[in-house]
Amino acid sequence: MPTSVANHASLLLKAAAAKPFFSPRAAARIPAPPPRAHPAAARLPPAATAGALGASRWFRWQSARGLCAAPHSGGGAGAQGMGSDAGVGARKRLAPAVNGLAKEVPPLNGLAKEDTAPPPPTPPRLLTLPTVLTIGRVAAVPLLISTFYMDGPWAATATTGIFLAAAVTDWLDGYLARKMQLGTPFGAFLDPVADKLMVAATLVLLCTKPLETSLLRDGPWLLTVPSIAIIGREITMSAVREWAASQSGKVLEAVAVNNLGKWKTATQMTALTLLLASRDPSLPAQGALVTPGVALLYVSAGLAIWSLVVYMRKIWRILLK
């Protein structure tokens, strides 16, 4: 090889090692190929064709910038392409911070789940129709006592009417609470309290001012014995139910109201209504109501003691297991 050719070859190799052939400046001086005209551009006027070609070149250049943008470049909107993390970061959603650290929430089926807080629970209504009826029974107790000791032809009738209305509302409020789903914890607590107040007050009134009849004149204890049995049973069951509320669920189910307790309440209300009505002088056969009233009162006392024994036997079996 001649000396001049060898010198030229060595100079070219040194230049290639020192600087690449295709530098960014050299690439910038390479003319871009002419844009291809769309077939539909032939039918457009020259001004419209030039505008469309310029817009097409601009959008192609923006997409090329996005595709070739370096990752983590942190550029603007034009630099968000396939290699950029800015678009991915914009689609990420962070959950509320826990202990100072934010947690990413994975998308569900490709869609990010919105932060929707559950609606707050609506507080139960306090004064429903059954609860109002129960409160009315409690308020009727002082009125019953007042009319019992009043003198007059209407006093005994008013006393009987108040007690009869209380007995009807005792059944009505439970029926409405079950039928219309209007039961509340406050109503469930107040209903047995109202019943016990009304029954205990009536029994005490009949014992303190007995009727002037031959049956009660010869045996003044006839009303006292069943009254003590009924009131004592109610006090005992109230204490047992309060204790069962602090125990397991099986104990609480054992003291739930059964059919025996319902029959006891029905005979009790009927007996007291007959005894109060026997004091009404407007009734033609007031003396004839005393005997069935006393008899039903003893039946009610027997059912009360029997139901108490049944409840205690259920509780005893549960405690022995």
Protein backbone atom coordinates (compact mmCIF):
# COMPACT_ATOMS: atom_id res chain seq x y z
CA MET A 1 0.00 0.00 0.00
CA PRO A 2 1.45 3.44 -0.86
CA THR A 3 2.50 5.71 1.98
CA SER A 4 -0.06 8.44 1.16
CA VAL A 5 -2.96 5.97 1.22
CA ALA A 6 -1.80 4.55 4.53
CA ASN A 7 -1.58 8.04 6.06
CA HIS A 8 -5.09 8.91 4.90
CA ALA A 9 -6.46 5.66 6.30
CA SER A 10 -4.86 6.22 9.72
CA LEU A 11 -6.23 9.76 9.86
CA LEU A 12 -9.74 8.51 9.10
CA LEU A 13 -9.51 5.83 11.82
CA LYS A 14 -8.36 8.42 14.37
CA ALA A 15 -11.22 10.75 13.43
CA ALA A 16 -13.76 7.95 13.73
CA ALA A 17 -12.47 6.99 17.18
CA ALA A 18 -12.50 10.59 18.40
CA LYS A 19 -16.02 11.63 17.16
CA PRO A 20 -19.00 9.63 15.81
CA PHE A 21 -19.90 10.04 12.19
CA PHE A 22 -23.52 10.83 12.90
CA SER A 23 -23.55 13.51 15.58
CA PRO A 24 -26.77 15.34 16.58
CA ARG A 25 -25.56 18.43 14.66
CA ALA A 26 -24.90 16.38 11.56
CA ALA A 27 -28.28 14.72 11.89
CA ALA A 28 -29.92 18.12 12.20
CA ARG A 29 -28.38 19.20 8.87
CA ILE A 30 -29.86 16.19 7.07
CA PRO A 31 -32.91 17.45 5.20
CA ALA A 32 -36.21 15.80 6.10
CA PRO A 33 -37.96 13.87 3.33
CA PRO A 34 -40.78 15.73 1.66
CA PRO A 35 -44.20 14.88 3.18
CA ARG A 36 -46.41 12.64 1.17
CA ALA A 37 -49.55 14.28 -0.02
CA HIS A 38 -52.80 12.65 0.89
CA PRO A 39 -54.95 11.69 -2.07
CA ALA A 40 -57.73 13.86 -0.76
CA ALA A 41 -55.36 16.83 -0.67
CA ALA A 42 -55.44 17.07 -4.43
CA ARG A 43 -59.04 18.17 -4.24
CA LEU A 44 -58.35 20.90 -1.64
CA PRO A 45 -57.21 24.43 -2.32
CA PRO A 46 -53.48 25.16 -1.86
CA ALA A 47 -53.96 27.12 1.38
CA ALA A 48 -55.94 24.31 3.01
CA THR A 49 -53.41 21.71 1.84
CA ALA A 50 -50.52 23.65 3.32
CA GLY A 51 -52.35 24.06 6.67
CA ALA A 52 -53.20 20.37 6.87
CA LEU A 53 -49.62 19.35 6.08
CA GLY A 54 -48.29 21.70 8.74
CA ALA A 55 -50.69 20.38 11.37
CA SER A 56 -49.86 16.80 10.41
CA ARG A 57 -46.11 17.49 10.70
CA TRP A 58 -46.63 19.15 14.10
CA PHE A 59 -48.66 16.28 15.56
CA ARG A 60 -46.23 13.71 14.17
CA TRP A 61 -43.36 15.61 15.74
CA GLN A 62 -45.16 15.79 19.11
CA SER A 63 -45.84 12.05 19.10
CA ALA A 64 -42.24 11.36 18.11
CA ARG A 65 -41.05 13.47 21.01
CA GLY A 66 -43.34 11.54 23.35
CA LEU A 67 -42.16 8.17 22.08
CA CYS A 68 -38.50 9.06 22.31
CA ALA A 69 -38.61 10.96 25.59
CA ALA A 70 -36.19 9.68 28.19
CA PRO A 71 -37.62 8.07 31.34
CA HIS A 72 -37.80 10.26 34.45
CA SER A 73 -37.14 13.28 32.28
CA GLY A 74 -39.56 15.38 34.31
CA GLY A 75 -40.50 17.40 31.21
CA GLY A 76 -43.76 19.07 30.42
CA ALA A 77 -46.79 17.77 28.66
CA GLY A 78 -44.88 17.15 25.45
CA ALA A 79 -42.40 14.85 27.21
CA GLN A 80 -44.98 12.43 28.57
CA GLY A 81 -44.66 9.43 26.28
CA MET A 82 -44.26 5.70 26.53
CA GLY A 83 -40.92 5.95 28.28
CA SER A 84 -42.07 8.61 30.76
CA ASP A 85 -43.30 7.90 34.29
CA ALA A 86 -45.28 11.14 34.50
CA GLY A 87 -48.38 9.65 32.85
CA VAL A 88 -48.17 6.54 34.99
CA GLY A 89 -47.77 8.59 38.15
CA ALA A 90 -50.79 10.67 37.24
CA ARG A 91 -52.88 7.53 37.03
CA LYS A 92 -51.78 6.21 40.42
CA ARG A 93 -54.10 6.82 43.33
CA LEU A 94 -52.93 6.91 46.91
CA ALA A 95 -55.01 5.73 49.82
CA PRO A 96 -55.21 7.77 53.04
CA ALA A 97 -51.96 7.81 54.95
CA VAL A 98 -51.59 5.14 57.65
CA ASN A 99 -48.96 5.93 60.30
CA GLY A 100 -47.63 8.68 58.07
CA LEU A 101 -47.16 6.40 55.00
CA ALA A 102 -49.34 6.52 51.92
CA LYS A 103 -50.44 3.21 50.44
CA GLU A 104 -51.17 2.67 46.78
CA VAL A 105 -54.60 1.28 45.99
CA PRO A 106 -54.51 -1.21 43.10
CA PRO A 107 -57.08 -0.55 40.38
CA LEU A 108 -60.02 -2.92 40.10
CA ASN A 109 -60.55 -4.27 36.55
CA GLY A 110 -58.31 -1.55 35.23
CA LEU A 111 -60.31 1.24 36.90
CA ALA A 112 -59.36 3.06 40.06
CA LYS A 113 -61.98 2.76 42.80
CA GLU A 114 -63.29 6.05 44.10
CA ASP A 115 -63.05 6.86 47.77
CA THR A 116 -66.71 6.60 48.80
CA ALA A 117 -67.30 6.69 52.53
CA PRO A 118 -70.30 4.66 53.77
CA PRO A 119 -73.29 6.78 54.76
CA PRO A 120 -73.63 7.34 58.52
CA PRO A 121 -76.21 5.08 60.19
CA THR A 122 -79.49 6.74 60.88
CA PRO A 123 -80.30 6.80 64.60
CA PRO A 124 -83.48 4.92 65.55
CA ARG A 125 -86.59 6.97 66.24
CA LEU A 126 -87.29 7.40 69.92
CA LEU A 127 -90.99 8.32 69.95
CA THR A 128 -92.84 5.84 67.77
CA LEU A 129 -96.57 5.17 68.06
CA PRO A 130 -96.16 2.06 70.29
CA THR A 131 -93.76 3.97 72.55
CA VAL A 132 -96.22 6.86 72.87
CA LEU A 133 -98.95 4.41 73.90
CA THR A 134 -96.63 2.91 76.52
CA ILE A 135 -95.79 6.34 77.91
CA GLY A 136 -99.50 7.04 78.08
CA ARG A 137 -99.99 3.96 80.30
CA VAL A 138 -97.31 5.19 82.68
CA ALA A 139 -98.91 8.63 82.83
CA ALA A 140 -102.31 7.04 83.53
CA VAL A 141 -101.16 5.51 86.85
CA PRO A 142 -101.46 8.77 88.90
CA LEU A 143 -104.81 9.44 87.22
CA LEU A 144 -106.03 5.97 88.20
CA ILE A 145 -105.06 6.53 91.84
CA SER A 146 -106.79 9.92 91.93
CA THR A 147 -110.10 8.70 90.55
CA PHE A 148 -110.09 5.64 92.83
CA TYR A 149 -110.25 7.76 95.99
CA MET A 150 -112.74 10.30 94.62
CA ASP A 151 -116.35 10.30 95.69
CA GLY A 152 -119.09 10.55 93.13
CA PRO A 153 -121.16 8.43 90.79
CA TRP A 154 -118.62 8.86 87.95
CA ALA A 155 -115.42 8.13 89.94
CA ALA A 156 -115.69 4.33 89.86
CA THR A 157 -116.66 4.40 86.18
CA ALA A 158 -113.63 6.59 85.36
CA THR A 159 -111.31 4.27 87.29
CA THR A 160 -112.58 1.23 85.43
CA GLY A 161 -112.36 3.01 82.09
CA ILE A 162 -108.75 4.08 82.69
CA PHE A 163 -107.66 0.56 83.61
CA LEU A 164 -109.54 -0.98 80.67
CA ALA A 165 -107.91 1.49 78.25
CA ALA A 166 -104.49 0.64 79.71
CA ALA A 167 -105.17 -3.09 79.20
CA VAL A 168 -106.19 -2.53 75.56
CA THR A 169 -103.14 -0.38 74.78
CA ASP A 170 -100.93 -3.05 76.38
CA TRP A 171 -101.98 -5.41 73.59
CA LEU A 172 -102.15 -2.71 70.92
CA ASP A 173 -98.63 -1.32 71.29
CA GLY A 174 -97.09 -4.80 70.98
CA TYR A 175 -99.20 -5.55 67.91
CA LEU A 176 -98.23 -2.28 66.20
CA ALA A 177 -94.55 -2.74 67.03
CA ARG A 178 -94.53 -6.16 65.37
CA LYS A 179 -96.82 -5.34 62.44
CA MET A 180 -95.30 -1.98 61.46
CA GLN A 181 -91.75 -2.76 62.64
CA LEU A 182 -91.73 0.20 65.02
CA GLY A 183 -90.03 -1.49 67.94
CA THR A 184 -87.28 0.44 69.73
CA PRO A 185 -84.96 -0.48 72.61
CA PHE A 186 -86.55 2.24 74.73
CA GLY A 187 -90.03 0.87 74.05
CA ALA A 188 -88.94 -2.69 74.84
CA PHE A 189 -87.60 -1.47 78.19
CA LEU A 190 -90.61 0.71 79.08
CA ASP A 191 -93.41 -1.73 78.15
CA PRO A 192 -92.97 -4.21 81.05
CA VAL A 193 -92.36 -1.32 83.44
CA ALA A 194 -95.71 0.25 82.51
CA ASP A 195 -97.53 -3.09 82.95
CA LYS A 196 -96.03 -3.73 86.38
CA LEU A 197 -96.80 -0.20 87.58
CA MET A 198 -100.43 -0.39 86.51
CA VAL A 199 -101.02 -3.89 87.95
CA ALA A 200 -99.19 -3.25 91.24
CA ALA A 201 -101.00 0.06 91.79
CA THR A 202 -104.41 -1.53 91.17
CA LEU A 203 -103.72 -4.45 93.52
CA VAL A 204 -102.61 -2.14 96.31
CA LEU A 205 -105.68 0.06 95.82
CA LEU A 206 -108.06 -2.90 96.02
CA CYS A 207 -106.36 -4.18 99.20
CA THR A 208 -106.43 -0.83 100.98
CA LYS A 209 -110.10 -0.14 100.19
CA PRO A 210 -111.92 -3.47 99.78
CA LEU A 211 -115.50 -3.78 98.67
CA GLU A 212 -118.32 -3.92 101.19
CA THR A 213 -119.51 -7.37 100.22
CA SER A 214 -120.21 -10.45 102.27
CA LEU A 215 -117.41 -12.42 100.60
CA LEU A 216 -114.66 -9.91 101.32
CA ARG A 217 -116.13 -8.94 104.69
CA ASP A 218 -115.78 -12.49 105.98
CA GLY A 219 -112.35 -13.02 104.41
CA PRO A 220 -110.40 -9.78 104.03
CA TRP A 221 -107.27 -11.78 103.17
CA LEU A 222 -108.79 -13.08 99.94
CA LEU A 223 -107.33 -10.18 97.95
CA THR A 224 -104.11 -9.84 99.95
CA VAL A 225 -102.71 -13.34 99.27
CA PRO A 226 -102.89 -13.31 95.45
CA SER A 227 -101.73 -9.68 95.40
CA ILE A 228 -98.55 -10.53 97.33
CA ALA A 229 -97.92 -13.55 95.07
CA ILE A 230 -98.32 -11.53 91.87
CA ILE A 231 -96.22 -8.53 93.02
CA GLY A 232 -93.51 -10.82 94.44
CA ARG A 233 -93.33 -12.76 91.21
CA GLU A 234 -92.98 -9.60 89.13
CA ILE A 235 -90.15 -8.30 91.34
CA THR A 236 -88.35 -11.66 91.14
CA MET A 237 -88.67 -11.90 87.35
CA SER A 238 -87.40 -8.36 86.90
CA ALA A 239 -84.27 -9.24 88.92
CA VAL A 240 -83.80 -12.52 87.01
CA ARG A 241 -84.09 -10.82 83.59
CA GLU A 242 -81.64 -8.12 84.65
CA TRP A 243 -79.16 -10.82 85.70
CA ALA A 244 -79.75 -12.81 82.49
CA ALA A 245 -78.94 -9.73 80.40
CA SER A 246 -75.36 -9.86 81.72
CA GLN A 247 -74.96 -13.58 81.00
CA SER A 248 -74.73 -15.61 77.79
CA GLY A 249 -77.33 -15.54 75.04
CA LYS A 250 -78.78 -18.92 76.06
CA VAL A 251 -79.67 -17.62 79.52
CA LEU A 252 -81.33 -14.57 77.99
CA GLU A 253 -83.38 -16.78 75.67
CA ALA A 254 -84.50 -18.89 78.64
CA VAL A 255 -86.27 -15.91 80.26
CA ALA A 256 -87.99 -14.70 77.09
CA VAL A 257 -91.75 -14.22 77.32
CA ASN A 258 -93.63 -17.46 76.56
CA ASN A 259 -97.28 -18.37 76.10
CA LEU A 260 -97.69 -19.10 79.81
CA GLY A 261 -96.75 -15.53 80.64
CA LYS A 262 -99.23 -14.21 78.08
CA TRP A 263 -102.07 -16.26 79.61
CA LYS A 264 -101.08 -14.96 83.03
CA THR A 265 -101.30 -11.36 81.82
CA ALA A 266 -104.69 -11.92 80.14
CA THR A 267 -106.32 -13.46 83.22
CA GLN A 268 -104.75 -10.81 85.44
CA MET A 269 -106.14 -7.91 83.42
CA THR A 270 -109.58 -9.53 83.25
CA ALA A 271 -109.73 -10.17 87.00
CA LEU A 272 -108.72 -6.61 87.91
CA THR A 273 -111.21 -5.15 85.43
CA LEU A 274 -114.05 -7.16 87.02
CA LEU A 275 -113.02 -6.14 90.55
CA LEU A 276 -112.88 -2.47 89.62
CA ALA A 277 -116.20 -2.65 87.79
CA SER A 278 -117.85 -4.22 90.86
CA ARG A 279 -117.37 -0.89 92.68
CA ASP A 280 -119.47 0.98 90.09
CA PRO A 281 -122.94 1.68 91.55
CA SER A 282 -124.38 2.33 88.11
CA LEU A 283 -124.07 -1.35 87.20
CA PRO A 284 -127.21 -3.38 88.08
CA ALA A 285 -125.32 -6.52 89.14
CA GLN A 286 -122.20 -5.15 90.70
CA GLY A 287 -122.14 -7.73 93.48
CA ALA A 288 -122.15 -10.59 90.95
CA LEU A 289 -118.77 -9.48 89.55
CA VAL A 290 -116.85 -9.94 92.82
CA THR A 291 -116.80 -13.76 92.87
CA PRO A 292 -115.54 -14.30 89.28
CA GLY A 293 -113.06 -11.45 89.75
CA VAL A 294 -111.54 -13.02 92.87
CA ALA A 295 -111.47 -16.46 91.22
CA LEU A 296 -109.65 -15.15 88.14
CA LEU A 297 -107.22 -13.31 90.40
CA TYR A 298 -106.26 -16.60 92.06
CA VAL A 299 -105.90 -18.23 88.63
CA SER A 300 -103.61 -15.37 87.59
CA ALA A 301 -101.54 -15.78 90.76
CA GLY A 302 -101.20 -19.53 90.10
CA LEU A 303 -100.07 -18.93 86.51
CA ALA A 304 -97.58 -16.33 87.76
CA ILE A 305 -95.97 -18.78 90.20
CA TRP A 306 -96.00 -21.56 87.60
CA SER A 307 -94.31 -19.40 84.95
CA LEU A 308 -91.66 -18.38 87.48
CA VAL A 309 -90.90 -22.05 88.20
CA VAL A 310 -90.64 -22.78 84.45
CA TYR A 311 -88.20 -19.92 83.94
CA MET A 312 -86.03 -20.99 86.86
CA ARG A 313 -85.92 -24.60 85.66
CA LYS A 314 -84.69 -23.47 82.22
CA ILE A 315 -81.99 -21.33 83.77
CA TRP A 316 -80.92 -24.12 86.13
CA ARG A 317 -80.51 -26.58 83.24
CA ILE A 318 -78.35 -24.12 81.33
CA LEU A 319 -76.14 -23.43 84.35
CA LEU A 320 -75.59 -27.16 84.99
CA LYS A 321 -74.29 -27.76 81.44
